[in-house]
Every structure is written in C-alpha cells, then in structure tokens.
Amino acid sequence: MAWGALINAVFTPIGSRPYRRSFGGVLHEMVFDPNDADIHESVTIAIKDAVQRHAPNIVIRGIRAQSENNTLAILIEFSRADDKSRTLKSPVVRLSKSDVVNLIAASRPL
C-alpha cells in the first residue's frame, strides 16, 4: 500500500487528474532537463515535495537518480511513517521521454 501511494504521488503529472488538479508532482518534467550535476538534486526535491503533499504516511530515506540517453532512472528508499525502523527500496523506475508523452496523452479527456 505504501509503494502504491508513493508511485501515485511521485509519478502522476500535476493537472492530470480531472477532479484533483493539484495532485501529483513535476518529476515527469525532469526527463526533459539537461543531464547535468543538478539533476539529482532536482529529482530529490520533486520527489520529496510530492510525497510530503500527497503521501504523508511515507518517509523518504534516500533517493538515487541518474539520467542517460533520454531516460531517468530512479531508486527510492522509504519507510512507512508508522514503521520507521524498516526501510524499503523501490525497484529502479525508468522514465523516458516517450513514457512521459504517453502518460500525458493518456491523462487527457477524450
């Protein structure tokens, strides 16, 4: 359940839910940013912000992000707020430019 809340908060583009326009984060925009030293910090801030606003039952323990060949690879270490002694790791999530385009297209009304 915690993993599902994390995924929804972090990977849902802001504005894509018709009745909850403020839900989600800006991580999808990071795929289009230049691959430079600032990408890790930008991704970390985007993930922590989305989790704080939309999944307060999750505590972020660590984030690793790497960008290469138009793909952003992210690993998130987290725990549930009610069980901080147990750290969970997400699988490595790869987000490409085509994934973002497909996410945005799928979120538009017909």
C-alpha atoms as a PDB file:
ATOM      1  CA  MET A   1       0.000   0.000   0.000  1.00  0.00           C
ATOM      2  CA  ALA A   2       2.861   2.383   0.817  1.00  0.00           C
ATOM      3  CA  TRP A   3       4.510   1.635  -2.533  1.00  0.00           C
ATOM      4  CA  GLY A   4       1.261   2.405  -4.376  1.00  0.00           C
ATOM      5  CA  ALA A   5       0.857   5.714  -2.533  1.00  0.00           C
ATOM      6  CA  LEU A   6       4.461   6.607  -3.343  1.00  0.00           C
ATOM      7  CA  ILE A   7       4.084   5.775  -7.036  1.00  0.00           C
ATOM      8  CA  ASN A   8       0.840   7.739  -7.335  1.00  0.00           C
ATOM      9  CA  ALA A   9       2.219  10.804  -5.577  1.00  0.00           C
ATOM     10  CA  VAL A  10       5.526  10.901  -7.430  1.00  0.00           C
ATOM     11  CA  PHE A  11       4.724   9.740 -10.959  1.00  0.00           C
ATOM     12  CA  THR A  12       1.302  11.317 -11.543  1.00  0.00           C
ATOM     13  CA  PRO A  13       1.768  14.508 -13.564  1.00  0.00           C
ATOM     14  CA  ILE A  14       0.247  17.551 -11.856  1.00  0.00           C
ATOM     15  CA  GLY A  15      -3.019  18.502 -13.512  1.00  0.00           C
ATOM     16  CA  SER A  16      -3.696  15.074 -14.983  1.00  0.00           C
ATOM     17  CA  ARG A  17      -6.486  14.065 -12.579  1.00  0.00           C
ATOM     18  CA  PRO A  18      -9.732  15.808 -13.582  1.00  0.00           C
ATOM     19  CA  TYR A  19     -11.120  16.311 -10.076  1.00  0.00           C
ATOM     20  CA  ARG A  20      -7.791  16.668  -8.277  1.00  0.00           C
ATOM     21  CA  ARG A  21      -5.783  19.043 -10.475  1.00  0.00           C
ATOM     22  CA  SER A  22      -3.239  19.771  -7.708  1.00  0.00           C
ATOM     23  CA  PHE A  23      -2.454  16.061  -7.183  1.00  0.00           C
ATOM     24  CA  GLY A  24       0.893  14.702  -8.361  1.00  0.00           C
ATOM     25  CA  GLY A  25       4.354  16.024  -8.949  1.00  0.00           C
ATOM     26  CA  VAL A  26       6.678  17.520 -11.514  1.00  0.00           C
ATOM     27  CA  LEU A  27       9.019  14.554 -11.887  1.00  0.00           C
ATOM     28  CA  HIS A  28       7.802  13.903 -15.424  1.00  0.00           C
ATOM     29  CA  GLU A  29       9.243  17.296 -16.421  1.00  0.00           C
ATOM     30  CA  MET A  30      12.737  16.293 -15.232  1.00  0.00           C
ATOM     31  CA  VAL A  31      13.133  13.858 -18.124  1.00  0.00           C
ATOM     32  CA  PHE A  32      13.415  16.856 -20.435  1.00  0.00           C
ATOM     33  CA  ASP A  33      16.021  18.659 -18.297  1.00  0.00           C
ATOM     34  CA  PRO A  34      19.697  18.593 -19.265  1.00  0.00           C
ATOM     35  CA  ASN A  35      21.729  15.712 -17.899  1.00  0.00           C
ATOM     36  CA  ASP A  36      23.989  17.651 -15.553  1.00  0.00           C
ATOM     37  CA  ALA A  37      25.126  17.689 -11.928  1.00  0.00           C
ATOM     38  CA  ASP A  38      21.870  19.342 -10.812  1.00  0.00           C
ATOM     39  CA  ILE A  39      19.576  16.537 -11.994  1.00  0.00           C
ATOM     40  CA  HIS A  40      19.920  14.506  -8.782  1.00  0.00           C
ATOM     41  CA  GLU A  41      19.068  17.496  -6.584  1.00  0.00           C
ATOM     42  CA  SER A  42      16.116  18.491  -8.782  1.00  0.00           C
ATOM     43  CA  VAL A  43      14.713  14.955  -8.776  1.00  0.00           C
ATOM     44  CA  THR A  44      15.165  14.666  -4.997  1.00  0.00           C
ATOM     45  CA  ILE A  45      13.308  17.916  -4.373  1.00  0.00           C
ATOM     46  CA  ALA A  46      10.476  16.933  -6.763  1.00  0.00           C
ATOM     47  CA  ILE A  47      10.015  13.518  -5.134  1.00  0.00           C
ATOM     48  CA  LYS A  48      10.145  14.813  -1.565  1.00  0.00           C
ATOM     49  CA  ASP A  49       7.669  17.591  -2.371  1.00  0.00           C
ATOM     50  CA  ALA A  50       5.152  15.227  -3.994  1.00  0.00           C
ATOM     51  CA  VAL A  51       5.422  12.727  -1.134  1.00  0.00           C
ATOM     52  CA  GLN A  52       5.073  15.411   1.536  1.00  0.00           C
ATOM     53  CA  ARG A  53       1.931  16.816  -0.105  1.00  0.00           C
ATOM     54  CA  HIS A  54       0.200  13.619  -1.208  1.00  0.00           C
ATOM     55  CA  ALA A  55       1.617  10.673   0.768  1.00  0.00           C
ATOM     56  CA  PRO A  56       2.314  11.917   4.304  1.00  0.00           C
ATOM     57  CA  ASN A  57       2.346   8.326   5.564  1.00  0.00           C
ATOM     58  CA  ILE A  58       5.708   7.789   3.802  1.00  0.00           C
ATOM     59  CA  VAL A  59       9.159   8.885   4.979  1.00  0.00           C
ATOM     60  CA  ILE A  60      11.828   9.223   2.283  1.00  0.00           C
ATOM     61  CA  ARG A  61      15.151   7.689   3.388  1.00  0.00           C
ATOM     62  CA  GLY A  62      17.180   8.169   0.222  1.00  0.00           C
ATOM     63  CA  ILE A  63      16.924   8.806  -3.497  1.00  0.00           C
ATOM     64  CA  ARG A  64      19.295   7.858  -6.272  1.00  0.00           C
ATOM     65  CA  ALA A  65      18.729   9.344  -9.696  1.00  0.00           C
ATOM     66  CA  GLN A  66      20.678   9.014 -12.892  1.00  0.00           C
ATOM     67  CA  SER A  67      19.909  10.396 -16.314  1.00  0.00           C
ATOM     68  CA  GLU A  68      21.249   8.923 -19.522  1.00  0.00           C
ATOM     69  CA  ASN A  69      20.053   8.530 -23.101  1.00  0.00           C
ATOM     70  CA  ASN A  70      16.785  10.411 -22.524  1.00  0.00           C
ATOM     71  CA  THR A  71      15.886   8.140 -19.614  1.00  0.00           C
ATOM     72  CA  LEU A  72      15.748   8.974 -15.935  1.00  0.00           C
ATOM     73  CA  ALA A  73      16.499   6.003 -13.633  1.00  0.00           C
ATOM     74  CA  ILE A  74      15.297   6.434 -10.043  1.00  0.00           C
ATOM     75  CA  LEU A  75      15.635   4.300  -6.914  1.00  0.00           C
ATOM     76  CA  ILE A  76      13.759   5.439  -3.806  1.00  0.00           C
ATOM     77  CA  GLU A  77      14.425   4.180  -0.276  1.00  0.00           C
ATOM     78  CA  PHE A  78      11.467   4.818   2.017  1.00  0.00           C
ATOM     79  CA  SER A  79       9.614   3.663   5.091  1.00  0.00           C
ATOM     80  CA  ARG A  80       6.115   3.970   6.404  1.00  0.00           C
ATOM     81  CA  ALA A  81       5.662   6.718   8.986  1.00  0.00           C
ATOM     82  CA  ASP A  82       4.280   4.183  11.450  1.00  0.00           C
ATOM     83  CA  ASP A  83       7.242   1.786  10.961  1.00  0.00           C
ATOM     84  CA  LYS A  84      10.373   3.909  10.588  1.00  0.00           C
ATOM     85  CA  SER A  85      12.657   1.052  11.627  1.00  0.00           C
ATOM     86  CA  ARG A  86      12.052  -0.785   8.336  1.00  0.00           C
ATOM     87  CA  THR A  87      13.491   0.718   5.159  1.00  0.00           C
ATOM     88  CA  LEU A  88      12.005  -0.401   1.846  1.00  0.00           C
ATOM     89  CA  LYS A  89      13.530   0.040  -1.595  1.00  0.00           C
ATOM     90  CA  SER A  90      11.600   0.659  -4.750  1.00  0.00           C
ATOM     91  CA  PRO A  91      12.597  -1.193  -7.872  1.00  0.00           C
ATOM     92  CA  VAL A  92      14.592   1.011 -10.211  1.00  0.00           C
ATOM     93  CA  VAL A  93      11.998   3.006 -12.107  1.00  0.00           C
ATOM     94  CA  ARG A  94      12.998   4.141 -15.579  1.00  0.00           C
ATOM     95  CA  LEU A  95      11.133   7.090 -17.002  1.00  0.00           C
ATOM     96  CA  SER A  96      11.799   8.020 -20.628  1.00  0.00           C
ATOM     97  CA  LYS A  97      10.600  10.905 -22.763  1.00  0.00           C
ATOM     98  CA  SER A  98       8.207   8.605 -24.621  1.00  0.00           C
ATOM     99  CA  ASP A  99       6.800   7.387 -21.279  1.00  0.00           C
ATOM    100  CA  VAL A 100       6.064  10.979 -20.294  1.00  0.00           C
ATOM    101  CA  VAL A 101       4.398  11.735 -23.616  1.00  0.00           C
ATOM    102  CA  ASN A 102       2.243   8.603 -23.238  1.00  0.00           C
ATOM    103  CA  LEU A 103       1.335   9.479 -19.617  1.00  0.00           C
ATOM    104  CA  ILE A 104       0.253  12.964 -20.578  1.00  0.00           C
ATOM    105  CA  ALA A 105      -1.702  11.734 -23.602  1.00  0.00           C
ATOM    106  CA  ALA A 106      -3.485   9.109 -21.509  1.00  0.00           C
ATOM    107  CA  SER A 107      -4.450  11.675 -18.880  1.00  0.00           C
ATOM    108  CA  ARG A 108      -6.239  13.979 -21.337  1.00  0.00           C
ATOM    109  CA  PRO A 109     -10.003  13.655 -21.600  1.00  0.00           C
ATOM    110  CA  LEU A 110     -11.382  12.026 -24.744  1.00  0.00           C
END
